[in-house]
Amino acid sequence: MVKRLAVATLATLFVVAGPALAEPAKFTWTGYGENVPGSGKCPTYKMTIDVTVDGTDVQGRFLQEGRVERNFKATLGADMKFKTTAIVGGGNKMDVVGSLKEGASTIMLDGYCLFEGKLTKK
């Protein structure tokens, strides 16, 4: 009887823990910037943005060609959206806004240039 109870308890633990063991979702976007007021070279700046989502934890990295890699962290809301700010050096910031809705995943970095597009799943 005790042995059956132990097996049943372990089975329940595996079922409950199963979703928690799911692989993080990974997304990417690569494209060129758009000018914002005061900028003029943004269409020549190539950016790659990678986003990893594990539960509600969102972690991202972005790398403009020829520049230093930057990172951001955010929390995914119930509406499947996130918003945060990333420091890009010299006291400058980029607003980071994203949506991870099925079939409509997007990312936007807005600061010295505007980088935005559709995220594709890796």
PDB file of N, CA and C in Angstrom:
ATOM      1  N   MET A   1       0.818  -1.185   0.000  1.00  0.00           N
ATOM      2  CA  MET A   1       0.000   0.000   0.000  1.00  0.00           C
ATOM      3  C   MET A   1       0.873   1.265   0.000  1.00  0.00           C
ATOM      4  N   VAL A   2       1.888   1.299   0.851  1.00  0.00           N
ATOM      5  CA  VAL A   2       2.776   2.457   0.923  1.00  0.00           C
ATOM      6  C   VAL A   2       3.527   2.608  -0.398  1.00  0.00           C
ATOM      7  N   LYS A   3       3.926   1.469  -0.982  1.00  0.00           N
ATOM      8  CA  LYS A   3       4.649   1.503  -2.239  1.00  0.00           C
ATOM      9  C   LYS A   3       3.776   2.110  -3.340  1.00  0.00           C
ATOM     10  N   ARG A   4       2.493   1.730  -3.401  1.00  0.00           N
ATOM     11  CA  ARG A   4       1.575   2.271  -4.405  1.00  0.00           C
ATOM     12  C   ARG A   4       1.367   3.774  -4.197  1.00  0.00           C
ATOM     13  N   LEU A   5       1.274   4.196  -2.955  1.00  0.00           N
ATOM     14  CA  LEU A   5       1.093   5.607  -2.642  1.00  0.00           C
ATOM     15  C   LEU A   5       2.317   6.414  -3.081  1.00  0.00           C
ATOM     16  N   ALA A   6       3.504   5.877  -2.844  1.00  0.00           N
ATOM     17  CA  ALA A   6       4.740   6.549  -3.248  1.00  0.00           C
ATOM     18  C   ALA A   6       4.804   6.671  -4.765  1.00  0.00           C
ATOM     19  N   VAL A   7       4.437   5.623  -5.481  1.00  0.00           N
ATOM     20  CA  VAL A   7       4.447   5.651  -6.953  1.00  0.00           C
ATOM     21  C   VAL A   7       3.425   6.671  -7.452  1.00  0.00           C
ATOM     22  N   ALA A   8       2.240   6.685  -6.861  1.00  0.00           N
ATOM     23  CA  ALA A   8       1.203   7.644  -7.252  1.00  0.00           C
ATOM     24  C   ALA A   8       1.667   9.078  -6.985  1.00  0.00           C
ATOM     25  N   THR A   9       2.332   9.304  -5.869  1.00  0.00           N
ATOM     26  CA  THR A   9       2.828  10.640  -5.543  1.00  0.00           C
ATOM     27  C   THR A   9       3.888  11.075  -6.548  1.00  0.00           C
ATOM     28  N   LEU A  10       4.809  10.185  -6.894  1.00  0.00           N
ATOM     29  CA  LEU A  10       5.833  10.510  -7.890  1.00  0.00           C
ATOM     30  C   LEU A  10       5.208  10.801  -9.240  1.00  0.00           C
ATOM     31  N   ALA A  11       4.229  10.013  -9.623  1.00  0.00           N
ATOM     32  CA  ALA A  11       3.551  10.232 -10.901  1.00  0.00           C
ATOM     33  C   ALA A  11       2.893  11.607 -10.924  1.00  0.00           C
ATOM     34  N   THR A  12       2.268  11.982  -9.825  1.00  0.00           N
ATOM     35  CA  THR A  12       1.631  13.304  -9.727  1.00  0.00           C
ATOM     36  C   THR A  12       2.672  14.400  -9.835  1.00  0.00           C
ATOM     37  N   LEU A  13       3.816  14.239  -9.198  1.00  0.00           N
ATOM     38  CA  LEU A  13       4.883  15.236  -9.275  1.00  0.00           C
ATOM     39  C   LEU A  13       5.362  15.415 -10.709  1.00  0.00           C
ATOM     40  N   PHE A  14       5.509  14.325 -11.453  1.00  0.00           N
ATOM     41  CA  PHE A  14       5.959  14.430 -12.836  1.00  0.00           C
ATOM     42  C   PHE A  14       4.929  15.145 -13.699  1.00  0.00           C
ATOM     43  N   VAL A  15       3.669  14.892 -13.478  1.00  0.00           N
ATOM     44  CA  VAL A  15       2.620  15.553 -14.250  1.00  0.00           C
ATOM     45  C   VAL A  15       2.595  17.040 -13.937  1.00  0.00           C
ATOM     46  N   VAL A  16       2.684  17.411 -12.666  1.00  0.00           N
ATOM     47  CA  VAL A  16       2.658  18.816 -12.267  1.00  0.00           C
ATOM     48  C   VAL A  16       3.925  19.531 -12.728  1.00  0.00           C
ATOM     49  N   ALA A  17       5.063  18.892 -12.627  1.00  0.00           N
ATOM     50  CA  ALA A  17       6.334  19.518 -12.989  1.00  0.00           C
ATOM     51  C   ALA A  17       6.541  19.556 -14.492  1.00  0.00           C
ATOM     52  N   GLY A  18       5.828  18.749 -15.229  1.00  0.00           N
ATOM     53  CA  GLY A  18       6.005  18.670 -16.669  1.00  0.00           C
ATOM     54  C   GLY A  18       6.011  20.011 -17.374  1.00  0.00           C
ATOM     55  N   PRO A  19       4.984  20.852 -17.234  1.00  0.00           N
ATOM     56  CA  PRO A  19       4.978  22.141 -17.910  1.00  0.00           C
ATOM     57  C   PRO A  19       6.123  23.044 -17.484  1.00  0.00           C
ATOM     58  N   ALA A  20       6.557  22.945 -16.254  1.00  0.00           N
ATOM     59  CA  ALA A  20       7.647  23.789 -15.773  1.00  0.00           C
ATOM     60  C   ALA A  20       8.963  23.418 -16.447  1.00  0.00           C
ATOM     61  N   LEU A  21       9.045  22.217 -16.980  1.00  0.00           N
ATOM     62  CA  LEU A  21      10.266  21.768 -17.628  1.00  0.00           C
ATOM     63  C   LEU A  21      10.278  22.084 -19.118  1.00  0.00           C
ATOM     64  N   ALA A  22       9.250  22.749 -19.627  1.00  0.00           N
ATOM     65  CA  ALA A  22       9.176  23.085 -21.043  1.00  0.00           C
ATOM     66  C   ALA A  22      10.359  23.963 -21.438  1.00  0.00           C
ATOM     67  N   GLU A  23      10.776  23.811 -22.673  1.00  0.00           N
ATOM     68  CA  GLU A  23      11.885  24.604 -23.196  1.00  0.00           C
ATOM     69  C   GLU A  23      11.481  26.071 -23.323  1.00  0.00           C
ATOM     70  N   PRO A  24      12.392  26.995 -23.058  1.00  0.00           N
ATOM     71  CA  PRO A  24      12.090  28.408 -23.275  1.00  0.00           C
ATOM     72  C   PRO A  24      11.806  28.668 -24.761  1.00  0.00           C
ATOM     73  N   ALA A  25      10.946  29.619 -25.040  1.00  0.00           N
ATOM     74  CA  ALA A  25      10.655  30.014 -26.426  1.00  0.00           C
ATOM     75  C   ALA A  25      11.691  31.047 -26.859  1.00  0.00           C
ATOM     76  N   LYS A  26      12.198  30.904 -28.076  1.00  0.00           N
ATOM     77  CA  LYS A  26      13.224  31.815 -28.582  1.00  0.00           C
ATOM     78  C   LYS A  26      12.755  32.442 -29.887  1.00  0.00           C
ATOM     79  N   PHE A  27      13.007  33.759 -29.997  1.00  0.00           N
ATOM     80  CA  PHE A  27      12.588  34.532 -31.154  1.00  0.00           C
ATOM     81  C   PHE A  27      13.752  35.395 -31.632  1.00  0.00           C
ATOM     82  N   THR A  28      13.692  35.831 -32.898  1.00  0.00           N
ATOM     83  CA  THR A  28      14.738  36.696 -33.427  1.00  0.00           C
ATOM     84  C   THR A  28      14.179  37.651 -34.477  1.00  0.00           C
ATOM     85  N   TRP A  29      14.880  38.750 -34.666  1.00  0.00           N
ATOM     86  CA  TRP A  29      14.591  39.721 -35.730  1.00  0.00           C
ATOM     87  C   TRP A  29      15.904  40.342 -36.143  1.00  0.00           C
ATOM     88  N   THR A  30      16.095  40.517 -37.439  1.00  0.00           N
ATOM     89  CA  THR A  30      17.240  41.238 -37.976  1.00  0.00           C
ATOM     90  C   THR A  30      16.720  42.204 -39.026  1.00  0.00           C
ATOM     91  N   GLY A  31      17.161  43.436 -38.941  1.00  0.00           N
ATOM     92  CA  GLY A  31      16.731  44.431 -39.917  1.00  0.00           C
ATOM     93  C   GLY A  31      17.474  45.735 -39.723  1.00  0.00           C
ATOM     94  N   TYR A  32      17.014  46.751 -40.440  1.00  0.00           N
ATOM     95  CA  TYR A  32      17.661  48.056 -40.421  1.00  0.00           C
ATOM     96  C   TYR A  32      16.791  49.076 -39.704  1.00  0.00           C
ATOM     97  N   GLY A  33      17.430  50.119 -39.200  1.00  0.00           N
ATOM     98  CA  GLY A  33      16.728  51.144 -38.442  1.00  0.00           C
ATOM     99  C   GLY A  33      16.012  52.145 -39.311  1.00  0.00           C
ATOM    100  N   GLU A  34      15.150  52.904 -38.664  1.00  0.00           N
ATOM    101  CA  GLU A  34      14.460  54.025 -39.292  1.00  0.00           C
ATOM    102  C   GLU A  34      14.872  55.280 -38.544  1.00  0.00           C
ATOM    103  N   ASN A  35      14.977  56.387 -39.265  1.00  0.00           N
ATOM    104  CA  ASN A  35      15.369  57.643 -38.634  1.00  0.00           C
ATOM    105  C   ASN A  35      14.295  58.139 -37.679  1.00  0.00           C
ATOM    106  N   VAL A  36      14.750  58.746 -36.609  1.00  0.00           N
ATOM    107  CA  VAL A  36      13.893  59.480 -35.679  1.00  0.00           C
ATOM    108  C   VAL A  36      14.385  60.921 -35.742  1.00  0.00           C
ATOM    109  N   PRO A  37      13.622  61.879 -35.218  1.00  0.00           N
ATOM    110  CA  PRO A  37      14.091  63.271 -35.257  1.00  0.00           C
ATOM    111  C   PRO A  37      15.511  63.403 -34.689  1.00  0.00           C
ATOM    112  N   GLY A  38      16.359  64.049 -35.438  1.00  0.00           N
ATOM    113  CA  GLY A  38      17.739  64.260 -35.010  1.00  0.00           C
ATOM    114  C   GLY A  38      18.713  63.204 -35.506  1.00  0.00           C
ATOM    115  N   SER A  39      18.223  62.196 -36.220  1.00  0.00           N
ATOM    116  CA  SER A  39      19.120  61.156 -36.743  1.00  0.00           C
ATOM    117  C   SER A  39      19.054  61.152 -38.264  1.00  0.00           C
ATOM    118  N   GLY A  40      20.073  60.574 -38.873  1.00  0.00           N
ATOM    119  CA  GLY A  40      20.105  60.551 -40.326  1.00  0.00           C
ATOM    120  C   GLY A  40      20.715  59.298 -40.914  1.00  0.00           C
ATOM    121  N   LYS A  41      21.380  58.482 -40.088  1.00  0.00           N
ATOM    122  CA  LYS A  41      22.084  57.306 -40.588  1.00  0.00           C
ATOM    123  C   LYS A  41      21.370  55.993 -40.269  1.00  0.00           C
ATOM    124  N   CYS A  42      20.238  56.049 -39.604  1.00  0.00           N
ATOM    125  CA  CYS A  42      19.585  54.829 -39.098  1.00  0.00           C
ATOM    126  C   CYS A  42      19.327  53.761 -40.161  1.00  0.00           C
ATOM    127  N   PRO A  43      18.952  54.120 -41.393  1.00  0.00           N
ATOM    128  CA  PRO A  43      18.721  53.069 -42.391  1.00  0.00           C
ATOM    129  C   PRO A  43      19.975  52.278 -42.763  1.00  0.00           C
ATOM    130  N   THR A  44      21.145  52.743 -42.302  1.00  0.00           N
ATOM    131  CA  THR A  44      22.386  52.003 -42.572  1.00  0.00           C
ATOM    132  C   THR A  44      22.793  51.123 -41.392  1.00  0.00           C
ATOM    133  N   TYR A  45      22.069  51.213 -40.279  1.00  0.00           N
ATOM    134  CA  TYR A  45      22.393  50.452 -39.070  1.00  0.00           C
ATOM    135  C   TYR A  45      21.633  49.129 -39.065  1.00  0.00           C
ATOM    136  N   LYS A  46      22.382  48.043 -39.114  1.00  0.00           N
ATOM    137  CA  LYS A  46      21.781  46.705 -39.076  1.00  0.00           C
ATOM    138  C   LYS A  46      21.758  46.201 -37.636  1.00  0.00           C
ATOM    139  N   MET A  47      20.599  45.733 -37.195  1.00  0.00           N
ATOM    140  CA  MET A  47      20.405  45.288 -35.817  1.00  0.00           C
ATOM    141  C   MET A  47      19.868  43.860 -35.809  1.00  0.00           C
ATOM    142  N   THR A  48      20.361  43.064 -34.851  1.00  0.00           N
ATOM    143  CA  THR A  48      19.806  41.739 -34.583  1.00  0.00           C
ATOM    144  C   THR A  48      19.306  41.740 -33.149  1.00  0.00           C
ATOM    145  N   ILE A  49      18.064  41.313 -32.967  1.00  0.00           N
ATOM    146  CA  ILE A  49      17.452  41.252 -31.649  1.00  0.00           C
ATOM    147  C   ILE A  49      17.035  39.809 -31.391  1.00  0.00           C
ATOM    148  N   ASP A  50      17.458  39.260 -30.269  1.00  0.00           N
ATOM    149  CA  ASP A  50      17.070  37.913 -29.850  1.00  0.00           C
ATOM    150  C   ASP A  50      16.298  38.015 -28.548  1.00  0.00           C
ATOM    151  N   VAL A  51      15.191  37.287 -28.455  1.00  0.00           N
ATOM    152  CA  VAL A  51      14.336  37.300 -27.266  1.00  0.00           C
ATOM    153  C   VAL A  51      14.116  35.864 -26.816  1.00  0.00           C
ATOM    154  N   THR A  52      14.309  35.611 -25.527  1.00  0.00           N
ATOM    155  CA  THR A  52      14.046  34.300 -24.931  1.00  0.00           C
ATOM    156  C   THR A  52      13.010  34.473 -23.834  1.00  0.00           C
ATOM    157  N   VAL A  53      11.981  33.634 -23.884  1.00  0.00           N
ATOM    158  CA  VAL A  53      10.899  33.707 -22.898  1.00  0.00           C
ATOM    159  C   VAL A  53      10.818  32.385 -22.162  1.00  0.00           C
ATOM    160  N   ASP A  54      10.886  32.470 -20.846  1.00  0.00           N
ATOM    161  CA  ASP A  54      10.782  31.294 -19.982  1.00  0.00           C
ATOM    162  C   ASP A  54       9.710  31.610 -18.945  1.00  0.00           C
ATOM    163  N   GLY A  55       8.510  31.097 -19.164  1.00  0.00           N
ATOM    164  CA  GLY A  55       7.381  31.465 -18.303  1.00  0.00           C
ATOM    165  C   GLY A  55       7.021  32.906 -18.567  1.00  0.00           C
ATOM    166  N   THR A  56       7.136  33.751 -17.546  1.00  0.00           N
ATOM    167  CA  THR A  56       6.881  35.184 -17.730  1.00  0.00           C
ATOM    168  C   THR A  56       8.179  35.993 -17.778  1.00  0.00           C
ATOM    169  N   ASP A  57       9.326  35.325 -17.666  1.00  0.00           N
ATOM    170  CA  ASP A  57      10.617  36.005 -17.734  1.00  0.00           C
ATOM    171  C   ASP A  57      11.026  36.204 -19.188  1.00  0.00           C
ATOM    172  N   VAL A  58      11.262  37.458 -19.554  1.00  0.00           N
ATOM    173  CA  VAL A  58      11.704  37.800 -20.903  1.00  0.00           C
ATOM    174  C   VAL A  58      13.128  38.321 -20.799  1.00  0.00           C
ATOM    175  N   GLN A  59      14.023  37.726 -21.573  1.00  0.00           N
ATOM    176  CA  GLN A  59      15.399  38.203 -21.628  1.00  0.00           C
ATOM    177  C   GLN A  59      15.743  38.428 -23.088  1.00  0.00           C
ATOM    178  N   GLY A  60      16.391  39.548 -23.346  1.00  0.00           N
ATOM    179  CA  GLY A  60      16.730  39.867 -24.725  1.00  0.00           C
ATOM    180  C   GLY A  60      18.140  40.380 -24.857  1.00  0.00           C
ATOM    181  N   ARG A  61      18.631  40.271 -26.061  1.00  0.00           N
ATOM    182  CA  ARG A  61      19.926  40.831 -26.417  1.00  0.00           C
ATOM    183  C   ARG A  61      19.755  41.496 -27.762  1.00  0.00           C
ATOM    184  N   PHE A  62      20.424  42.621 -27.933  1.00  0.00           N
ATOM    185  CA  PHE A  62      20.424  43.234 -29.255  1.00  0.00           C
ATOM    186  C   PHE A  62      21.835  43.675 -29.598  1.00  0.00           C
ATOM    187  N   LEU A  63      22.142  43.537 -30.865  1.00  0.00           N
ATOM    188  CA  LEU A  63      23.488  43.821 -31.342  1.00  0.00           C
ATOM    189  C   LEU A  63      23.408  44.550 -32.668  1.00  0.00           C
ATOM    190  N   GLN A  64      23.838  45.806 -32.632  1.00  0.00           N
ATOM    191  CA  GLN A  64      23.964  46.561 -33.873  1.00  0.00           C
ATOM    192  C   GLN A  64      25.336  46.245 -34.438  1.00  0.00           C
ATOM    193  N   GLU A  65      25.400  45.999 -35.741  1.00  0.00           N
ATOM    194  CA  GLU A  65      26.679  45.680 -36.376  1.00  0.00           C
ATOM    195  C   GLU A  65      27.718  46.726 -36.021  1.00  0.00           C
ATOM    196  N   GLY A  66      28.886  46.255 -35.560  1.00  0.00           N
ATOM    197  CA  GLY A  66      29.974  47.159 -35.218  1.00  0.00           C
ATOM    198  C   GLY A  66      29.878  47.785 -33.839  1.00  0.00           C
ATOM    199  N   ARG A  67      28.866  47.409 -33.069  1.00  0.00           N
ATOM    200  CA  ARG A  67      28.685  47.977 -31.736  1.00  0.00           C
ATOM    201  C   ARG A  67      28.762  46.878 -30.680  1.00  0.00           C
ATOM    202  N   VAL A  68      28.628  47.278 -29.429  1.00  0.00           N
ATOM    203  CA  VAL A  68      28.671  46.359 -28.297  1.00  0.00           C
ATOM    204  C   VAL A  68      27.289  45.742 -28.089  1.00  0.00           C
ATOM    205  N   GLU A  69      27.265  44.459 -27.727  1.00  0.00           N
ATOM    206  CA  GLU A  69      25.999  43.783 -27.418  1.00  0.00           C
ATOM    207  C   GLU A  69      25.366  44.401 -26.180  1.00  0.00           C
ATOM    208  N   ARG A  70      24.056  44.580 -26.226  1.00  0.00           N
ATOM    209  CA  ARG A  70      23.286  45.107 -25.101  1.00  0.00           C
ATOM    210  C   ARG A  70      22.217  44.093 -24.711  1.00  0.00           C
ATOM    211  N   ASN A  71      21.697  44.211 -23.490  1.00  0.00           N
ATOM    212  CA  ASN A  71      20.706  43.257 -22.996  1.00  0.00           C
ATOM    213  C   ASN A  71      19.540  43.975 -22.345  1.00  0.00           C
ATOM    214  N   PHE A  72      18.428  43.260 -22.228  1.00  0.00           N
ATOM    215  CA  PHE A  72      17.284  43.778 -21.487  1.00  0.00           C
ATOM    216  C   PHE A  72      16.553  42.622 -20.828  1.00  0.00           C
ATOM    217  N   LYS A  73      15.812  42.953 -19.787  1.00  0.00           N
ATOM    218  CA  LYS A  73      14.970  41.998 -19.076  1.00  0.00           C
ATOM    219  C   LYS A  73      13.603  42.632 -18.887  1.00  0.00           C
ATOM    220  N   ALA A  74      12.568  41.803 -18.954  1.00  0.00           N
ATOM    221  CA  ALA A  74      11.202  42.289 -18.761  1.00  0.00           C
ATOM    222  C   ALA A  74      10.348  41.142 -18.247  1.00  0.00           C
ATOM    223  N   THR A  75       9.112  41.465 -17.926  1.00  0.00           N
ATOM    224  CA  THR A  75       8.144  40.464 -17.489  1.00  0.00           C
ATOM    225  C   THR A  75       7.003  40.438 -18.497  1.00  0.00           C
ATOM    226  N   LEU A  76       6.663  39.246 -18.941  1.00  0.00           N
ATOM    227  CA  LEU A  76       5.575  39.064 -19.896  1.00  0.00           C
ATOM    228  C   LEU A  76       4.248  39.165 -19.171  1.00  0.00           C
ATOM    229  N   GLY A  77       3.375  40.049 -19.641  1.00  0.00           N
ATOM    230  CA  GLY A  77       2.073  40.231 -19.026  1.00  0.00           C
ATOM    231  C   GLY A  77       1.067  39.193 -19.519  1.00  0.00           C
ATOM    232  N   ALA A  78      -0.083  39.155 -18.884  1.00  0.00           N
ATOM    233  CA  ALA A  78      -1.152  38.229 -19.262  1.00  0.00           C
ATOM    234  C   ALA A  78      -1.620  38.493 -20.691  1.00  0.00           C
ATOM    235  N   ASP A  79      -1.419  39.728 -21.186  1.00  0.00           N
ATOM    236  CA  ASP A  79      -1.799  40.074 -22.552  1.00  0.00           C
ATOM    237  C   ASP A  79      -0.719  39.692 -23.570  1.00  0.00           C
ATOM    238  N   MET A  80       0.333  38.989 -23.098  1.00  0.00           N
ATOM    239  CA  MET A  80       1.456  38.514 -23.921  1.00  0.00           C
ATOM    240  C   MET A  80       2.334  39.661 -24.440  1.00  0.00           C
ATOM    241  N   LYS A  81       2.353  40.780 -23.706  1.00  0.00           N
ATOM    242  CA  LYS A  81       3.179  41.922 -24.075  1.00  0.00           C
ATOM    243  C   LYS A  81       4.205  42.203 -22.979  1.00  0.00           C
ATOM    244  N   PHE A  82       5.286  42.872 -23.358  1.00  0.00           N
ATOM    245  CA  PHE A  82       6.293  43.304 -22.394  1.00  0.00           C
ATOM    246  C   PHE A  82       6.813  44.676 -22.778  1.00  0.00           C
ATOM    247  N   LYS A  83       7.327  45.387 -21.769  1.00  0.00           N
ATOM    248  CA  LYS A  83       7.865  46.731 -21.982  1.00  0.00           C
ATOM    249  C   LYS A  83       8.945  46.979 -20.948  1.00  0.00           C
ATOM    250  N   THR A  84      10.078  47.549 -21.396  1.00  0.00           N
ATOM    251  CA  THR A  84      11.177  47.856 -20.487  1.00  0.00           C
ATOM    252  C   THR A  84      12.064  48.917 -21.131  1.00  0.00           C
ATOM    253  N   THR A  85      13.142  49.250 -20.460  1.00  0.00           N
ATOM    254  CA  THR A  85      14.129  50.194 -20.967  1.00  0.00           C
ATOM    255  C   THR A  85      15.502  49.533 -20.911  1.00  0.00           C
ATOM    256  N   ALA A  86      16.289  49.740 -21.962  1.00  0.00           N
ATOM    257  CA  ALA A  86      17.656  49.206 -22.007  1.00  0.00           C
ATOM    258  C   ALA A  86      18.634  50.373 -22.060  1.00  0.00           C
ATOM    259  N   ILE A  87      19.711  50.269 -21.322  1.00  0.00           N
ATOM    260  CA  ILE A  87      20.770  51.278 -21.329  1.00  0.00           C
ATOM    261  C   ILE A  87      21.727  50.937 -22.466  1.00  0.00           C
ATOM    262  N   VAL A  88      22.034  51.932 -23.299  1.00  0.00           N
ATOM    263  CA  VAL A  88      22.912  51.675 -24.444  1.00  0.00           C
ATOM    264  C   VAL A  88      24.247  52.397 -24.352  1.00  0.00           C
ATOM    265  N   GLY A  89      24.544  52.981 -23.218  1.00  0.00           N
ATOM    266  CA  GLY A  89      25.842  53.624 -23.029  1.00  0.00           C
ATOM    267  C   GLY A  89      25.747  55.135 -23.104  1.00  0.00           C
ATOM    268  N   GLY A  90      26.631  55.775 -22.407  1.00  0.00           N
ATOM    269  CA  GLY A  90      26.659  57.232 -22.408  1.00  0.00           C
ATOM    270  C   GLY A  90      25.401  57.854 -21.826  1.00  0.00           C
ATOM    271  N   GLY A  91      24.675  57.080 -21.016  1.00  0.00           N
ATOM    272  CA  GLY A  91      23.438  57.587 -20.433  1.00  0.00           C
ATOM    273  C   GLY A  91      22.240  57.500 -21.362  1.00  0.00           C
ATOM    274  N   ASN A  92      22.444  56.999 -22.566  1.00  0.00           N
ATOM    275  CA  ASN A  92      21.348  56.858 -23.523  1.00  0.00           C
ATOM    276  C   ASN A  92      20.529  55.611 -23.237  1.00  0.00           C
ATOM    277  N   LYS A  93      19.250  55.677 -23.594  1.00  0.00           N
ATOM    278  CA  LYS A  93      18.339  54.566 -23.347  1.00  0.00           C
ATOM    279  C   LYS A  93      17.569  54.208 -24.607  1.00  0.00           C
ATOM    280  N   MET A  94      17.115  52.976 -24.637  1.00  0.00           N
ATOM    281  CA  MET A  94      16.223  52.507 -25.695  1.00  0.00           C
ATOM    282  C   MET A  94      14.976  51.966 -25.016  1.00  0.00           C
ATOM    283  N   ASP A  95      13.808  52.411 -25.475  1.00  0.00           N
ATOM    284  CA  ASP A  95      12.564  51.813 -25.009  1.00  0.00           C
ATOM    285  C   ASP A  95      12.393  50.508 -25.773  1.00  0.00           C
ATOM    286  N   VAL A  96      12.042  49.458 -25.055  1.00  0.00           N
ATOM    287  CA  VAL A  96      11.861  48.140 -25.656  1.00  0.00           C
ATOM    288  C   VAL A  96      10.411  47.726 -25.424  1.00  0.00           C
ATOM    289  N   VAL A  97       9.693  47.440 -26.499  1.00  0.00           N
ATOM    290  CA  VAL A  97       8.293  47.035 -26.428  1.00  0.00           C
ATOM    291  C   VAL A  97       8.123  45.815 -27.321  1.00  0.00           C
ATOM    292  N   GLY A  98       7.456  44.794 -26.791  1.00  0.00           N
ATOM    293  CA  GLY A  98       7.254  43.595 -27.587  1.00  0.00           C
ATOM    294  C   GLY A  98       5.922  42.933 -27.317  1.00  0.00           C
ATOM    295  N   SER A  99       5.525  42.115 -28.264  1.00  0.00           N
ATOM    296  CA  SER A  99       4.312  41.316 -28.147  1.00  0.00           C
ATOM    297  C   SER A  99       4.642  39.915 -28.617  1.00  0.00           C
ATOM    298  N   LEU A 100       4.231  38.924 -27.851  1.00  0.00           N
ATOM    299  CA  LEU A 100       4.507  37.536 -28.214  1.00  0.00           C
ATOM    300  C   LEU A 100       3.211  36.773 -28.477  1.00  0.00           C
ATOM    301  N   LYS A 101       2.250  37.447 -29.073  1.00  0.00           N
ATOM    302  CA  LYS A 101       0.982  36.807 -29.418  1.00  0.00           C
ATOM    303  C   LYS A 101       1.210  35.848 -30.581  1.00  0.00           C
ATOM    304  N   GLU A 102       0.600  34.693 -30.492  1.00  0.00           N
ATOM    305  CA  GLU A 102       0.737  33.660 -31.525  1.00  0.00           C
ATOM    306  C   GLU A 102       0.443  34.243 -32.904  1.00  0.00           C
ATOM    307  N   GLY A 103       1.410  34.128 -33.814  1.00  0.00           N
ATOM    308  CA  GLY A 103       1.243  34.617 -35.177  1.00  0.00           C
ATOM    309  C   GLY A 103       1.428  36.115 -35.338  1.00  0.00           C
ATOM    310  N   ALA A 104       1.641  36.845 -34.263  1.00  0.00           N
ATOM    311  CA  ALA A 104       1.786  38.299 -34.340  1.00  0.00           C
ATOM    312  C   ALA A 104       2.851  38.792 -33.362  1.00  0.00           C
ATOM    313  N   SER A 105       3.963  38.093 -33.275  1.00  0.00           N
ATOM    314  CA  SER A 105       5.045  38.475 -32.365  1.00  0.00           C
ATOM    315  C   SER A 105       5.844  39.614 -32.978  1.00  0.00           C
ATOM    316  N   THR A 106       6.019  40.695 -32.208  1.00  0.00           N
ATOM    317  CA  THR A 106       6.728  41.868 -32.708  1.00  0.00           C
ATOM    318  C   THR A 106       7.689  42.407 -31.656  1.00  0.00           C
ATOM    319  N   ILE A 107       8.636  43.218 -32.125  1.00  0.00           N
ATOM    320  CA  ILE A 107       9.596  43.866 -31.242  1.00  0.00           C
ATOM    321  C   ILE A 107       9.830  45.279 -31.747  1.00  0.00           C
ATOM    322  N   MET A 108      10.083  46.213 -30.820  1.00  0.00           N
ATOM    323  CA  MET A 108      10.410  47.584 -31.184  1.00  0.00           C
ATOM    324  C   MET A 108      11.420  48.128 -30.181  1.00  0.00           C
ATOM    325  N   LEU A 109      12.520  48.665 -30.687  1.00  0.00           N
ATOM    326  CA  LEU A 109      13.492  49.410 -29.894  1.00  0.00           C
ATOM    327  C   LEU A 109      13.425  50.838 -30.396  1.00  0.00           C
ATOM    328  N   ASP A 110      13.199  51.765 -29.502  1.00  0.00           N
ATOM    329  CA  ASP A 110      13.038  53.164 -29.883  1.00  0.00           C
ATOM    330  C   ASP A 110      13.973  54.004 -29.032  1.00  0.00           C
ATOM    331  N   GLY A 111      14.849  54.750 -29.690  1.00  0.00           N
ATOM    332  CA  GLY A 111      15.802  55.606 -28.990  1.00  0.00           C
ATOM    333  C   GLY A 111      16.530  56.455 -30.000  1.00  0.00           C
ATOM    334  N   TYR A 112      17.829  56.217 -30.169  1.00  0.00           N
ATOM    335  CA  TYR A 112      18.613  56.997 -31.131  1.00  0.00           C
ATOM    336  C   TYR A 112      18.188  56.686 -32.563  1.00  0.00           C
ATOM    337  N   CYS A 113      17.559  55.525 -32.765  1.00  0.00           N
ATOM    338  CA  CYS A 113      16.937  55.101 -34.017  1.00  0.00           C
ATOM    339  C   CYS A 113      15.722  54.258 -33.645  1.00  0.00           C
ATOM    340  N   LEU A 114      14.916  53.953 -34.631  1.00  0.00           N
ATOM    341  CA  LEU A 114      13.767  53.077 -34.406  1.00  0.00           C
ATOM    342  C   LEU A 114      14.040  51.769 -35.130  1.00  0.00           C
ATOM    343  N   PHE A 115      14.018  50.685 -34.376  1.00  0.00           N
ATOM    344  CA  PHE A 115      14.175  49.343 -34.924  1.00  0.00           C
ATOM    345  C   PHE A 115      12.918  48.564 -34.587  1.00  0.00           C
ATOM    346  N   GLU A 116      12.208  48.085 -35.587  1.00  0.00           N
ATOM    347  CA  GLU A 116      11.013  47.312 -35.288  1.00  0.00           C
ATOM    348  C   GLU A 116      10.699  46.343 -36.407  1.00  0.00           C
ATOM    349  N   GLY A 117      10.059  45.232 -35.989  1.00  0.00           N
ATOM    350  CA  GLY A 117       9.687  44.238 -36.969  1.00  0.00           C
ATOM    351  C   GLY A 117       9.029  43.047 -36.317  1.00  0.00           C
ATOM    352  N   LYS A 118       8.749  42.074 -37.153  1.00  0.00           N
ATOM    353  CA  LYS A 118       8.099  40.848 -36.718  1.00  0.00           C
ATOM    354  C   LYS A 118       9.151  39.872 -36.209  1.00  0.00           C
ATOM    355  N   LEU A 119       8.937  39.345 -35.013  1.00  0.00           N
ATOM    356  CA  LEU A 119       9.825  38.316 -34.470  1.00  0.00           C
ATOM    357  C   LEU A 119       9.478  36.970 -35.093  1.00  0.00           C
ATOM    358  N   THR A 120      10.499  36.199 -35.418  1.00  0.00           N
ATOM    359  CA  THR A 120      10.274  34.843 -35.900  1.00  0.00           C
ATOM    360  C   THR A 120      10.798  33.877 -34.863  1.00  0.00           C
ATOM    361  N   LYS A 121      10.118  32.761 -34.727  1.00  0.00           N
ATOM    362  CA  LYS A 121      10.496  31.755 -33.737  1.00  0.00           C
ATOM    363  C   LYS A 121      11.744  31.021 -34.234  1.00  0.00           C
ATOM    364  N   LYS A 122      12.681  30.804 -33.324  1.00  0.00           N
ATOM    365  CA  LYS A 122      13.919  30.057 -33.661  1.00  0.00           C
ATOM    366  C   LYS A 122      13.661  28.582 -33.610  1.00  0.00           C
TER     367      LYS A 122
END
